[in-house]
Amino acid sequence: GNVAAGARVKLEAAGVGFDRFAVGAFGCDHEHRPELPAIAQRRAAERLGLALDGADLVVVGDTPADVQCARGVGARTLAVATGRYDVDALAAHAPTHVFADLTDTDAVVAALVAR
C-alpha cells in the first residue's frame, strides 16, 4: 500500500537498493491494496514476455493487510515488523517469511528468491 517513493526510502534505509526490484506495484498504482499483486504480476509478465504464476511474486509489507492482499494471486509474502505490527502480530497472519527489520540483507534477499 506504500507509494513507490516511500518504499524506496524504507528499503534504502535498510541497505536494500530499490532498483534491485525490476517491477512492483504500490499504493500510487491503485487505492485498493488487494489490486496491487495483480498489477505487479501483469507488469512482470510484460517485462519478461511470459506468464507468471502468483507464487512467482513476493509481496513485501509491514501490515497484516499486505499479507492478506498477496493471497488473491497466491503470492508469497515477506512481512517486516518496521511499522505498527511486531513480529508476533505479523506471524499470526502466516506470511511466508517474517523479519523484525531488513538489516540482514543476505537473509532478506534469500527469502525473496526462495521458492
C-alpha atoms as a PDB file:
ATOM      1  CA  GLY A   1       0.000   0.000   0.000  1.00  0.00           C
ATOM      2  CA  ASN A   2       3.028   2.301   0.217  1.00  0.00           C
ATOM      3  CA  VAL A   3       3.744   4.743  -2.598  1.00  0.00           C
ATOM      4  CA  ALA A   4       6.858   3.988  -4.663  1.00  0.00           C
ATOM      5  CA  ALA A   5       8.853   6.853  -3.141  1.00  0.00           C
ATOM      6  CA  GLY A   6       8.059   5.625   0.373  1.00  0.00           C
ATOM      7  CA  ALA A   7       9.075   2.076  -0.492  1.00  0.00           C
ATOM      8  CA  ARG A   8      12.357   3.389  -1.893  1.00  0.00           C
ATOM      9  CA  VAL A   9      13.118   5.266   1.347  1.00  0.00           C
ATOM     10  CA  LYS A  10      12.267   2.269   3.547  1.00  0.00           C
ATOM     11  CA  LEU A  11      14.334  -0.202   1.531  1.00  0.00           C
ATOM     12  CA  GLU A  12      17.348   2.015   1.087  1.00  0.00           C
ATOM     13  CA  ALA A  13      17.347   2.900   4.803  1.00  0.00           C
ATOM     14  CA  ALA A  14      17.804  -0.818   5.437  1.00  0.00           C
ATOM     15  CA  GLY A  15      20.555  -1.120   2.849  1.00  0.00           C
ATOM     16  CA  VAL A  16      18.401  -2.795   0.197  1.00  0.00           C
ATOM     17  CA  GLY A  17      18.545  -0.989  -3.122  1.00  0.00           C
ATOM     18  CA  PHE A  18      15.104  -0.198  -4.509  1.00  0.00           C
ATOM     19  CA  ASP A  19      16.442  -0.736  -8.026  1.00  0.00           C
ATOM     20  CA  ARG A  20      17.184  -4.387  -7.242  1.00  0.00           C
ATOM     21  CA  PHE A  21      13.499  -4.977  -7.939  1.00  0.00           C
ATOM     22  CA  ALA A  22      12.650  -4.986 -11.636  1.00  0.00           C
ATOM     23  CA  VAL A  23       8.915  -4.469 -11.110  1.00  0.00           C
ATOM     24  CA  GLY A  24       6.489  -3.706  -8.345  1.00  0.00           C
ATOM     25  CA  ALA A  25       3.129  -2.189  -7.554  1.00  0.00           C
ATOM     26  CA  PHE A  26       2.442   0.473  -4.974  1.00  0.00           C
ATOM     27  CA  GLY A  27      -0.348   2.444  -3.363  1.00  0.00           C
ATOM     28  CA  CYS A  28       0.121   5.086  -6.038  1.00  0.00           C
ATOM     29  CA  ASP A  29      -0.870   2.459  -8.654  1.00  0.00           C
ATOM     30  CA  HIS A  30      -4.260   1.659  -7.119  1.00  0.00           C
ATOM     31  CA  GLU A  31      -6.030   2.792  -3.959  1.00  0.00           C
ATOM     32  CA  HIS A  32      -7.384  -0.706  -3.210  1.00  0.00           C
ATOM     33  CA  ARG A  33      -4.465  -2.762  -1.838  1.00  0.00           C
ATOM     34  CA  PRO A  34      -5.756  -6.187  -2.990  1.00  0.00           C
ATOM     35  CA  GLU A  35      -5.430  -4.962  -6.601  1.00  0.00           C
ATOM     36  CA  LEU A  36      -1.682  -4.413  -6.318  1.00  0.00           C
ATOM     37  CA  PRO A  37      -0.408  -8.010  -6.673  1.00  0.00           C
ATOM     38  CA  ALA A  38      -2.253  -8.452  -9.983  1.00  0.00           C
ATOM     39  CA  ILE A  39      -0.765  -5.162 -11.229  1.00  0.00           C
ATOM     40  CA  ALA A  40       2.733  -6.358 -10.318  1.00  0.00           C
ATOM     41  CA  GLN A  41       2.033  -9.744 -11.905  1.00  0.00           C
ATOM     42  CA  ARG A  42       0.933  -8.072 -15.137  1.00  0.00           C
ATOM     43  CA  ARG A  43       3.975  -5.769 -15.188  1.00  0.00           C
ATOM     44  CA  ALA A  44       6.355  -8.655 -14.599  1.00  0.00           C
ATOM     45  CA  ALA A  45       4.738 -10.711 -17.358  1.00  0.00           C
ATOM     46  CA  GLU A  46       5.036  -7.786 -19.776  1.00  0.00           C
ATOM     47  CA  ARG A  47       8.668  -7.156 -18.868  1.00  0.00           C
ATOM     48  CA  LEU A  48       9.639 -10.816 -19.143  1.00  0.00           C
ATOM     49  CA  GLY A  49       7.376 -11.733 -22.031  1.00  0.00           C
ATOM     50  CA  LEU A  50       5.875 -14.724 -20.245  1.00  0.00           C
ATOM     51  CA  ALA A  51       3.033 -15.554 -17.916  1.00  0.00           C
ATOM     52  CA  LEU A  52       3.883 -15.722 -14.237  1.00  0.00           C
ATOM     53  CA  ASP A  53       2.216 -17.772 -11.578  1.00  0.00           C
ATOM     54  CA  GLY A  54       1.227 -15.931  -8.411  1.00  0.00           C
ATOM     55  CA  ALA A  55       3.795 -17.999  -6.494  1.00  0.00           C
ATOM     56  CA  ASP A  56       6.463 -16.248  -8.568  1.00  0.00           C
ATOM     57  CA  LEU A  57       5.562 -12.982  -6.821  1.00  0.00           C
ATOM     58  CA  VAL A  58       6.579 -11.717  -3.390  1.00  0.00           C
ATOM     59  CA  VAL A  59       4.592  -9.050  -1.566  1.00  0.00           C
ATOM     60  CA  VAL A  60       6.781  -7.123   0.883  1.00  0.00           C
ATOM     61  CA  GLY A  61       4.936  -5.237   3.585  1.00  0.00           C
ATOM     62  CA  ASP A  62       4.651  -4.336   7.235  1.00  0.00           C
ATOM     63  CA  THR A  63       0.954  -4.914   7.920  1.00  0.00           C
ATOM     64  CA  PRO A  64      -1.461  -7.838   8.027  1.00  0.00           C
ATOM     65  CA  ALA A  65      -3.230  -6.193   5.054  1.00  0.00           C
ATOM     66  CA  ASP A  66      -0.075  -6.687   2.988  1.00  0.00           C
ATOM     67  CA  VAL A  67      -0.029 -10.383   3.854  1.00  0.00           C
ATOM     68  CA  GLN A  68      -3.744 -10.737   3.083  1.00  0.00           C
ATOM     69  CA  CYS A  69      -3.609  -8.956  -0.275  1.00  0.00           C
ATOM     70  CA  ALA A  70      -0.992 -11.403  -1.567  1.00  0.00           C
ATOM     71  CA  ARG A  71      -3.371 -14.313  -1.186  1.00  0.00           C
ATOM     72  CA  GLY A  72      -5.589 -13.116  -4.036  1.00  0.00           C
ATOM     73  CA  VAL A  73      -2.978 -14.176  -6.598  1.00  0.00           C
ATOM     74  CA  GLY A  74      -1.213 -16.812  -4.485  1.00  0.00           C
ATOM     75  CA  ALA A  75       1.870 -14.647  -3.979  1.00  0.00           C
ATOM     76  CA  ARG A  76       4.475 -15.325  -1.318  1.00  0.00           C
ATOM     77  CA  THR A  77       4.882 -12.745   1.446  1.00  0.00           C
ATOM     78  CA  LEU A  78       7.747 -11.115   3.276  1.00  0.00           C
ATOM     79  CA  ALA A  79       6.400  -9.327   6.326  1.00  0.00           C
ATOM     80  CA  VAL A  80       8.691  -6.912   8.131  1.00  0.00           C
ATOM     81  CA  ALA A  81       7.946  -5.522  11.590  1.00  0.00           C
ATOM     82  CA  THR A  82       9.068  -1.959  10.911  1.00  0.00           C
ATOM     83  CA  GLY A  83       5.644  -0.410  11.384  1.00  0.00           C
ATOM     84  CA  ARG A  84       2.868  -0.745  13.961  1.00  0.00           C
ATOM     85  CA  TYR A  85       2.918  -4.561  13.996  1.00  0.00           C
ATOM     86  CA  ASP A  86       5.586  -6.607  15.733  1.00  0.00           C
ATOM     87  CA  VAL A  87       6.919  -9.953  14.523  1.00  0.00           C
ATOM     88  CA  ASP A  88       4.377 -11.981  16.515  1.00  0.00           C
ATOM     89  CA  ALA A  89       1.427  -9.942  15.236  1.00  0.00           C
ATOM     90  CA  LEU A  90       2.574 -10.364  11.642  1.00  0.00           C
ATOM     91  CA  ALA A  91       3.405 -14.054  12.101  1.00  0.00           C
ATOM     92  CA  ALA A  92      -0.173 -14.643  13.262  1.00  0.00           C
ATOM     93  CA  HIS A  93      -1.248 -13.924   9.669  1.00  0.00           C
ATOM     94  CA  ALA A  94       1.027 -16.683   8.292  1.00  0.00           C
ATOM     95  CA  PRO A  95       3.323 -14.771   5.931  1.00  0.00           C
ATOM     96  CA  THR A  96       5.828 -16.855   4.006  1.00  0.00           C
ATOM     97  CA  HIS A  97       8.659 -15.022   5.798  1.00  0.00           C
ATOM     98  CA  VAL A  98       8.702 -12.531   8.661  1.00  0.00           C
ATOM     99  CA  PHE A  99      11.576 -10.315   9.776  1.00  0.00           C
ATOM    100  CA  ALA A 100      11.970  -7.804  12.597  1.00  0.00           C
ATOM    101  CA  ASP A 101      13.636  -5.442  10.098  1.00  0.00           C
ATOM    102  CA  LEU A 102      15.561  -5.547   6.823  1.00  0.00           C
ATOM    103  CA  THR A 103      19.063  -5.084   8.219  1.00  0.00           C
ATOM    104  CA  ASP A 104      20.166  -8.653   7.421  1.00  0.00           C
ATOM    105  CA  THR A 105      20.248  -8.029   3.696  1.00  0.00           C
ATOM    106  CA  ASP A 106      21.546 -11.512   2.847  1.00  0.00           C
ATOM    107  CA  ALA A 107      18.668 -13.192   4.706  1.00  0.00           C
ATOM    108  CA  VAL A 108      16.105 -10.840   3.150  1.00  0.00           C
ATOM    109  CA  VAL A 109      17.384 -11.449  -0.369  1.00  0.00           C
ATOM    110  CA  ALA A 110      17.478 -15.205   0.279  1.00  0.00           C
ATOM    111  CA  ALA A 111      13.839 -15.065   1.398  1.00  0.00           C
ATOM    112  CA  LEU A 112      12.869 -13.065  -1.674  1.00  0.00           C
ATOM    113  CA  VAL A 113      14.345 -15.584  -4.081  1.00  0.00           C
ATOM    114  CA  ALA A 114      13.405 -18.738  -2.128  1.00  0.00           C
ATOM    115  CA  ARG A 115      10.749 -20.975  -3.659  1.00  0.00           C
END
